[in-house]
PDB file of N, CA and C in Angstrom:
ATOM      1  N   MET A   1     139.662 109.728  93.836  1.00  0.00           N
ATOM      2  CA  MET A   1     140.866 109.752  93.012  1.00  0.00           C
ATOM      3  C   MET A   1     141.965 109.007  93.770  1.00  0.00           C
ATOM      4  N   ASP A   2     142.567 108.002  93.120  1.00  0.00           N
ATOM      5  CA  ASP A   2     143.621 107.245  93.789  1.00  0.00           C
ATOM      6  C   ASP A   2     144.960 107.978  93.689  1.00  0.00           C
ATOM      7  N   HIS A   3     145.970 107.422  94.360  1.00  0.00           N
ATOM      8  CA  HIS A   3     147.291 108.058  94.425  1.00  0.00           C
ATOM      9  C   HIS A   3     147.887 108.275  93.037  1.00  0.00           C
ATOM     10  N   MET A   4     147.766 107.272  92.146  1.00  0.00           N
ATOM     11  CA  MET A   4     148.331 107.388  90.797  1.00  0.00           C
ATOM     12  C   MET A   4     147.632 108.501  90.025  1.00  0.00           C
ATOM     13  N   GLU A   5     146.316 108.586  90.123  1.00  0.00           N
ATOM     14  CA  GLU A   5     145.582 109.640  89.427  1.00  0.00           C
ATOM     15  C   GLU A   5     145.987 111.011  89.952  1.00  0.00           C
ATOM     16  N   THR A   6     146.231 111.119  91.246  1.00  0.00           N
ATOM     17  CA  THR A   6     146.668 112.379  91.836  1.00  0.00           C
ATOM     18  C   THR A   6     148.032 112.779  91.284  1.00  0.00           C
ATOM     19  N   GLU A   7     148.969 111.831  91.196  1.00  0.00           N
ATOM     20  CA  GLU A   7     150.290 112.121  90.629  1.00  0.00           C
ATOM     21  C   GLU A   7     150.179 112.529  89.168  1.00  0.00           C
ATOM     22  N   GLU A   8     149.345 111.824  88.396  1.00  0.00           N
ATOM     23  CA  GLU A   8     149.171 112.151  86.985  1.00  0.00           C
ATOM     24  C   GLU A   8     148.576 113.543  86.828  1.00  0.00           C
ATOM     25  N   ALA A   9     147.600 113.892  87.656  1.00  0.00           N
ATOM     26  CA  ALA A   9     146.983 115.212  87.594  1.00  0.00           C
ATOM     27  C   ALA A   9     148.003 116.294  87.935  1.00  0.00           C
ATOM     28  N   ALA A  10     148.836 116.044  88.928  1.00  0.00           N
ATOM     29  CA  ALA A  10     149.864 117.012  89.310  1.00  0.00           C
ATOM     30  C   ALA A  10     150.872 117.208  88.185  1.00  0.00           C
ATOM     31  N   MET A  11     151.272 116.119  87.535  1.00  0.00           N
ATOM     32  CA  MET A  11     152.219 116.226  86.422  1.00  0.00           C
ATOM     33  C   MET A  11     151.592 116.955  85.241  1.00  0.00           C
ATOM     34  N   ALA A  12     150.328 116.676  84.954  1.00  0.00           N
ATOM     35  CA  ALA A  12     149.637 117.348  83.853  1.00  0.00           C
ATOM     36  C   ALA A  12     149.536 118.838  84.135  1.00  0.00           C
ATOM     37  N   HIS A  13     149.222 119.194  85.368  1.00  0.00           N
ATOM     38  CA  HIS A  13     149.130 120.600  85.754  1.00  0.00           C
ATOM     39  C   HIS A  13     150.489 121.281  85.608  1.00  0.00           C
ATOM     40  N   ALA A  14     151.537 120.646  86.095  1.00  0.00           N
ATOM     41  CA  ALA A  14     152.881 121.213  86.005  1.00  0.00           C
ATOM     42  C   ALA A  14     153.302 121.384  84.556  1.00  0.00           C
ATOM     43  N   THR A  15     152.980 120.413  83.721  1.00  0.00           N
ATOM     44  CA  THR A  15     153.335 120.482  82.307  1.00  0.00           C
ATOM     45  C   THR A  15     152.569 121.593  81.606  1.00  0.00           C
ATOM     46  N   ALA A  16     151.303 121.740  81.936  1.00  0.00           N
ATOM     47  CA  ALA A  16     150.467 122.747  81.289  1.00  0.00           C
ATOM     48  C   ALA A  16     150.879 124.162  81.669  1.00  0.00           C
ATOM     49  N   HIS A  17     151.496 124.329  82.834  1.00  0.00           N
ATOM     50  CA  HIS A  17     151.793 125.664  83.325  1.00  0.00           C
ATOM     51  C   HIS A  17     153.272 126.009  83.354  1.00  0.00           C
ATOM     52  N   SER A  18     154.113 125.138  82.891  1.00  0.00           N
ATOM     53  CA  SER A  18     155.537 125.420  82.882  1.00  0.00           C
ATOM     54  C   SER A  18     156.224 124.543  81.847  1.00  0.00           C
ATOM     55  N   VAL A  19     157.450 124.909  81.565  1.00  0.00           N
ATOM     56  CA  VAL A  19     158.255 124.101  80.669  1.00  0.00           C
ATOM     57  C   VAL A  19     159.302 123.414  81.533  1.00  0.00           C
ATOM     58  N   GLY A  20     159.446 122.121  81.361  1.00  0.00           N
ATOM     59  CA  GLY A  20     160.427 121.415  82.163  1.00  0.00           C
ATOM     60  C   GLY A  20     160.236 119.926  82.065  1.00  0.00           C
ATOM     61  N   VAL A  21     160.992 119.223  82.857  1.00  0.00           N
ATOM     62  CA  VAL A  21     160.961 117.773  82.869  1.00  0.00           C
ATOM     63  C   VAL A  21     160.444 117.318  84.223  1.00  0.00           C
ATOM     64  N   VAL A  22     159.526 116.373  84.189  1.00  0.00           N
ATOM     65  CA  VAL A  22     159.021 115.790  85.425  1.00  0.00           C
ATOM     66  C   VAL A  22     159.841 114.543  85.712  1.00  0.00           C
ATOM     67  N   GLN A  23     160.497 114.516  86.844  1.00  0.00           N
ATOM     68  CA  GLN A  23     161.305 113.368  87.234  1.00  0.00           C
ATOM     69  C   GLN A  23     160.418 112.332  87.917  1.00  0.00           C
ATOM     70  N   MET A  24     160.560 111.082  87.516  1.00  0.00           N
ATOM     71  CA  MET A  24     159.825 109.993  88.148  1.00  0.00           C
ATOM     72  C   MET A  24     160.815 108.915  88.554  1.00  0.00           C
ATOM     73  N   THR A  25     160.481 108.226  89.615  1.00  0.00           N
ATOM     74  CA  THR A  25     161.279 107.071  90.003  1.00  0.00           C
ATOM     75  C   THR A  25     160.968 105.933  89.034  1.00  0.00           C
ATOM     76  N   ASP A  26     161.801 104.913  89.025  1.00  0.00           N
ATOM     77  CA  ASP A  26     161.532 103.737  88.194  1.00  0.00           C
ATOM     78  C   ASP A  26     160.191 103.123  88.563  1.00  0.00           C
ATOM     79  N   GLU A  27     159.884 103.111  89.852  1.00  0.00           N
ATOM     80  CA  GLU A  27     158.620 102.546  90.327  1.00  0.00           C
ATOM     81  C   GLU A  27     157.427 103.341  89.787  1.00  0.00           C
ATOM     82  N   GLN A  28     157.520 104.666  89.801  1.00  0.00           N
ATOM     83  CA  GLN A  28     156.440 105.501  89.278  1.00  0.00           C
ATOM     84  C   GLN A  28     156.263 105.294  87.774  1.00  0.00           C
ATOM     85  N   ALA A  29     157.377 105.234  87.036  1.00  0.00           N
ATOM     86  CA  ALA A  29     157.305 105.035  85.589  1.00  0.00           C
ATOM     87  C   ALA A  29     156.703 103.670  85.260  1.00  0.00           C
ATOM     88  N   SER A  30     157.092 102.648  85.990  1.00  0.00           N
ATOM     89  CA  SER A  30     156.535 101.306  85.771  1.00  0.00           C
ATOM     90  C   SER A  30     155.048 101.273  86.082  1.00  0.00           C
ATOM     91  N   ALA A  31     154.649 101.975  87.135  1.00  0.00           N
ATOM     92  CA  ALA A  31     153.232 102.023  87.499  1.00  0.00           C
ATOM     93  C   ALA A  31     152.418 102.731  86.421  1.00  0.00           C
ATOM     94  N   MET A  32     152.964 103.795  85.842  1.00  0.00           N
ATOM     95  CA  MET A  32     152.248 104.499  84.776  1.00  0.00           C
ATOM     96  C   MET A  32     152.147 103.629  83.528  1.00  0.00           C
ATOM     97  N   LEU A  33     153.212 102.895  83.196  1.00  0.00           N
ATOM     98  CA  LEU A  33     153.168 101.972  82.066  1.00  0.00           C
ATOM     99  C   LEU A  33     152.105 100.909  82.309  1.00  0.00           C
ATOM    100  N   ASP A  34     152.079 100.348  83.496  1.00  0.00           N
ATOM    101  CA  ASP A  34     151.107  99.311  83.828  1.00  0.00           C
ATOM    102  C   ASP A  34     149.685  99.851  83.702  1.00  0.00           C
ATOM    103  N   ARG A  35     149.469 101.028  84.232  1.00  0.00           N
ATOM    104  CA  ARG A  35     148.131 101.646  84.171  1.00  0.00           C
ATOM    105  C   ARG A  35     147.702 101.876  82.715  1.00  0.00           C
ATOM    106  N   ALA A  36     148.602 102.402  81.889  1.00  0.00           N
ATOM    107  CA  ALA A  36     148.278 102.665  80.484  1.00  0.00           C
ATOM    108  C   ALA A  36     148.028 101.365  79.724  1.00  0.00           C
ATOM    109  N   ALA A  37     148.855 100.361  79.946  1.00  0.00           N
ATOM    110  CA  ALA A  37     148.688  99.077  79.248  1.00  0.00           C
ATOM    111  C   ALA A  37     147.352  98.439  79.614  1.00  0.00           C
ATOM    112  N   ARG A  38     146.985  98.509  80.878  1.00  0.00           N
ATOM    113  CA  ARG A  38     145.697  97.950  81.309  1.00  0.00           C
ATOM    114  C   ARG A  38     144.535  98.732  80.705  1.00  0.00           C
ATOM    115  N   LYS A  39     144.650 100.053  80.686  1.00  0.00           N
ATOM    116  CA  LYS A  39     143.570 100.901  80.170  1.00  0.00           C
ATOM    117  C   LYS A  39     143.376 100.729  78.667  1.00  0.00           C
ATOM    118  N   TYR A  40     144.449 100.796  77.911  1.00  0.00           N
ATOM    119  CA  TYR A  40     144.341 100.815  76.451  1.00  0.00           C
ATOM    120  C   TYR A  40     144.419  99.445  75.789  1.00  0.00           C
ATOM    121  N   MET A  41     145.024  98.453  76.474  1.00  0.00           N
ATOM    122  CA  MET A  41     145.222  97.157  75.829  1.00  0.00           C
ATOM    123  C   MET A  41     144.686  95.979  76.625  1.00  0.00           C
ATOM    124  N   GLY A  42     144.334  96.211  77.886  1.00  0.00           N
ATOM    125  CA  GLY A  42     143.810  95.130  78.706  1.00  0.00           C
ATOM    126  C   GLY A  42     144.857  94.121  79.153  1.00  0.00           C
ATOM    127  N   ILE A  43     146.125  94.547  79.172  1.00  0.00           N
ATOM    128  CA  ILE A  43     147.217  93.683  79.632  1.00  0.00           C
ATOM    129  C   ILE A  43     148.053  94.461  80.641  1.00  0.00           C
ATOM    130  N   SER A  44     148.874  93.755  81.393  1.00  0.00           N
ATOM    131  CA  SER A  44     149.738  94.425  82.371  1.00  0.00           C
ATOM    132  C   SER A  44     150.928  95.088  81.673  1.00  0.00           C
ATOM    133  N   GLY A  45     151.582  95.973  82.396  1.00  0.00           N
ATOM    134  CA  GLY A  45     152.798  96.585  81.876  1.00  0.00           C
ATOM    135  C   GLY A  45     153.886  95.553  81.638  1.00  0.00           C
ATOM    136  N   ALA A  46     153.961  94.559  82.516  1.00  0.00           N
ATOM    137  CA  ALA A  46     154.959  93.494  82.357  1.00  0.00           C
ATOM    138  C   ALA A  46     154.686  92.681  81.093  1.00  0.00           C
ATOM    139  N   GLU A  47     153.418  92.390  80.826  1.00  0.00           N
ATOM    140  CA  GLU A  47     153.052  91.646  79.611  1.00  0.00           C
ATOM    141  C   GLU A  47     153.351  92.485  78.372  1.00  0.00           C
ATOM    142  N   PHE A  48     153.057  93.783  78.431  1.00  0.00           N
ATOM    143  CA  PHE A  48     153.362  94.676  77.315  1.00  0.00           C
ATOM    144  C   PHE A  48     154.861  94.645  77.023  1.00  0.00           C
ATOM    145  N   THR A  49     155.672  94.785  78.069  1.00  0.00           N
ATOM    146  CA  THR A  49     157.127  94.767  77.913  1.00  0.00           C
ATOM    147  C   THR A  49     157.598  93.441  77.324  1.00  0.00           C
ATOM    148  N   ARG A  50     157.058  92.334  77.815  1.00  0.00           N
ATOM    149  CA  ARG A  50     157.437  91.015  77.298  1.00  0.00           C
ATOM    150  C   ARG A  50     157.134  90.921  75.810  1.00  0.00           C
ATOM    151  N   ARG A  51     155.971  91.392  75.407  1.00  0.00           N
ATOM    152  CA  ARG A  51     155.585  91.310  73.994  1.00  0.00           C
ATOM    153  C   ARG A  51     156.453  92.203  73.115  1.00  0.00           C
ATOM    154  N   VAL A  52     156.768  93.393  73.592  1.00  0.00           N
ATOM    155  CA  VAL A  52     157.647  94.285  72.827  1.00  0.00           C
ATOM    156  C   VAL A  52     159.019  93.642  72.664  1.00  0.00           C
ATOM    157  N   GLU A  53     159.574  93.155  73.768  1.00  0.00           N
ATOM    158  CA  GLU A  53     160.921  92.584  73.735  1.00  0.00           C
ATOM    159  C   GLU A  53     160.996  91.286  72.943  1.00  0.00           C
ATOM    160  N   SER A  54     159.873  90.580  72.796  1.00  0.00           N
ATOM    161  CA  SER A  54     159.858  89.349  71.997  1.00  0.00           C
ATOM    162  C   SER A  54     159.723  89.655  70.504  1.00  0.00           C
ATOM    163  N   GLY A  55     159.438  90.925  70.181  1.00  0.00           N
ATOM    164  CA  GLY A  55     159.290  91.312  68.780  1.00  0.00           C
ATOM    165  C   GLY A  55     157.910  91.052  68.208  1.00  0.00           C
ATOM    166  N   GLU A  56     156.941  90.783  69.080  1.00  0.00           N
ATOM    167  CA  GLU A  56     155.595  90.433  68.624  1.00  0.00           C
ATOM    168  C   GLU A  56     154.997  91.466  67.672  1.00  0.00           C
ATOM    169  N   TRP A  57     155.242  92.748  67.922  1.00  0.00           N
ATOM    170  CA  TRP A  57     154.635  93.794  67.099  1.00  0.00           C
ATOM    171  C   TRP A  57     155.656  94.482  66.198  1.00  0.00           C
ATOM    172  N   GLN A  58     156.820  93.917  66.047  1.00  0.00           N
ATOM    173  CA  GLN A  58     157.927  94.543  65.331  1.00  0.00           C
ATOM    174  C   GLN A  58     157.569  94.968  63.904  1.00  0.00           C
ATOM    175  N   ASP A  59     156.848  94.149  63.186  1.00  0.00           N
ATOM    176  CA  ASP A  59     156.547  94.439  61.783  1.00  0.00           C
ATOM    177  C   ASP A  59     155.152  95.009  61.568  1.00  0.00           C
ATOM    178  N   ARG A  60     154.545  95.523  62.627  1.00  0.00           N
ATOM    179  CA  ARG A  60     153.185  96.048  62.523  1.00  0.00           C
ATOM    180  C   ARG A  60     153.184  97.533  62.844  1.00  0.00           C
ATOM    181  N   GLY A  61     152.304  98.254  62.192  1.00  0.00           N
ATOM    182  CA  GLY A  61     152.172  99.681  62.458  1.00  0.00           C
ATOM    183  C   GLY A  61     151.439  99.933  63.762  1.00  0.00           C
ATOM    184  N   TYR A  62     151.666 101.103  64.318  1.00  0.00           N
ATOM    185  CA  TYR A  62     151.015 101.453  65.581  1.00  0.00           C
ATOM    186  C   TYR A  62     149.499 101.374  65.497  1.00  0.00           C
ATOM    187  N   ASP A  63     148.943 101.701  64.339  1.00  0.00           N
ATOM    188  CA  ASP A  63     147.485 101.694  64.189  1.00  0.00           C
ATOM    189  C   ASP A  63     146.921 100.294  63.944  1.00  0.00           C
ATOM    190  N   GLU A  64     147.772  99.309  63.756  1.00  0.00           N
ATOM    191  CA  GLU A  64     147.308  97.935  63.521  1.00  0.00           C
ATOM    192  C   GLU A  64     147.055  97.167  64.818  1.00  0.00           C
ATOM    193  N   VAL A  65     147.600  97.635  65.917  1.00  0.00           N
ATOM    194  CA  VAL A  65     147.447  96.951  67.206  1.00  0.00           C
ATOM    195  C   VAL A  65     146.724  97.917  68.141  1.00  0.00           C
ATOM    196  N   GLU A  66     145.518  97.555  68.533  1.00  0.00           N
ATOM    197  CA  GLU A  66     144.713  98.444  69.361  1.00  0.00           C
ATOM    198  C   GLU A  66     145.443  98.819  70.649  1.00  0.00           C
ATOM    199  N   GLY A  67     145.581 100.116  70.871  1.00  0.00           N
ATOM    200  CA  GLY A  67     146.206 100.628  72.081  1.00  0.00           C
ATOM    201  C   GLY A  67     147.714 100.791  72.023  1.00  0.00           C
ATOM    202  N   LEU A  68     148.368 100.237  71.014  1.00  0.00           N
ATOM    203  CA  LEU A  68     149.834 100.258  70.966  1.00  0.00           C
ATOM    204  C   LEU A  68     150.385 101.681  70.958  1.00  0.00           C
ATOM    205  N   ALA A  69     149.829 102.545  70.139  1.00  0.00           N
ATOM    206  CA  ALA A  69     150.331 103.921  70.063  1.00  0.00           C
ATOM    207  C   ALA A  69     150.190 104.635  71.402  1.00  0.00           C
ATOM    208  N   GLU A  70     149.073 104.411  72.081  1.00  0.00           N
ATOM    209  CA  GLU A  70     148.833 105.072  73.356  1.00  0.00           C
ATOM    210  C   GLU A  70     149.798 104.593  74.440  1.00  0.00           C
ATOM    211  N   VAL A  71     150.108 103.320  74.446  1.00  0.00           N
ATOM    212  CA  VAL A  71     150.947 102.754  75.506  1.00  0.00           C
ATOM    213  C   VAL A  71     152.433 102.950  75.211  1.00  0.00           C
ATOM    214  N   TRP A  72     152.811 102.998  73.943  1.00  0.00           N
ATOM    215  CA  TRP A  72     154.219 103.100  73.558  1.00  0.00           C
ATOM    216  C   TRP A  72     154.910 104.282  74.241  1.00  0.00           C
ATOM    217  N   ALA A  73     154.233 105.405  74.346  1.00  0.00           N
ATOM    218  CA  ALA A  73     154.822 106.598  74.966  1.00  0.00           C
ATOM    219  C   ALA A  73     155.191 106.360  76.427  1.00  0.00           C
ATOM    220  N   TYR A  74     154.469 105.475  77.097  1.00  0.00           N
ATOM    221  CA  TYR A  74     154.778 105.154  78.491  1.00  0.00           C
ATOM    222  C   TYR A  74     155.910 104.132  78.581  1.00  0.00           C
ATOM    223  N   TYR A  75     156.077 103.334  77.543  1.00  0.00           N
ATOM    224  CA  TYR A  75     157.118 102.303  77.528  1.00  0.00           C
ATOM    225  C   TYR A  75     158.504 102.917  77.333  1.00  0.00           C
ATOM    226  N   LEU A  76     158.622 103.851  76.404  1.00  0.00           N
ATOM    227  CA  LEU A  76     159.929 104.409  76.054  1.00  0.00           C
ATOM    228  C   LEU A  76     160.690 105.007  77.232  1.00  0.00           C
ATOM    229  N   PRO A  77     160.040 105.796  78.109  1.00  0.00           N
ATOM    230  CA  PRO A  77     160.806 106.347  79.235  1.00  0.00           C
ATOM    231  C   PRO A  77     161.326 105.291  80.205  1.00  0.00           C
ATOM    232  N   ASN A  78     160.782 104.082  80.154  1.00  0.00           N
ATOM    233  CA  ASN A  78     161.226 103.018  81.050  1.00  0.00           C
ATOM    234  C   ASN A  78     162.500 102.343  80.560  1.00  0.00           C
ATOM    235  N   GLN A  79     162.961 102.697  79.378  1.00  0.00           N
ATOM    236  CA  GLN A  79     164.135 102.052  78.798  1.00  0.00           C
ATOM    237  C   GLN A  79     165.394 102.817  79.166  1.00  0.00           C
ATOM    238  N   ASP A  80     166.429 102.111  79.511  1.00  0.00           N
ATOM    239  CA  ASP A  80     167.715 102.748  79.877  1.00  0.00           C
ATOM    240  C   ASP A  80     168.565 102.969  78.664  1.00  0.00           C
TER     241      ASP A  80
END
């Protein structure tokens, strides 16, 4: 299990056993976005962000783009 998987497991455990907010650094949030984008869409987190910001998927439903719904949840917390 790599460092990111260990952090994800710890957050999942904390969430399952308590109510609260898990604080992440910008670096941790970006790493989770990158991991999710690679897993579900086969692209980097940076590429996912570029495509979102360019409006590439603006007029498409989440179910029309493979992996979009899964990765979107990781993208939103990265926005200020």
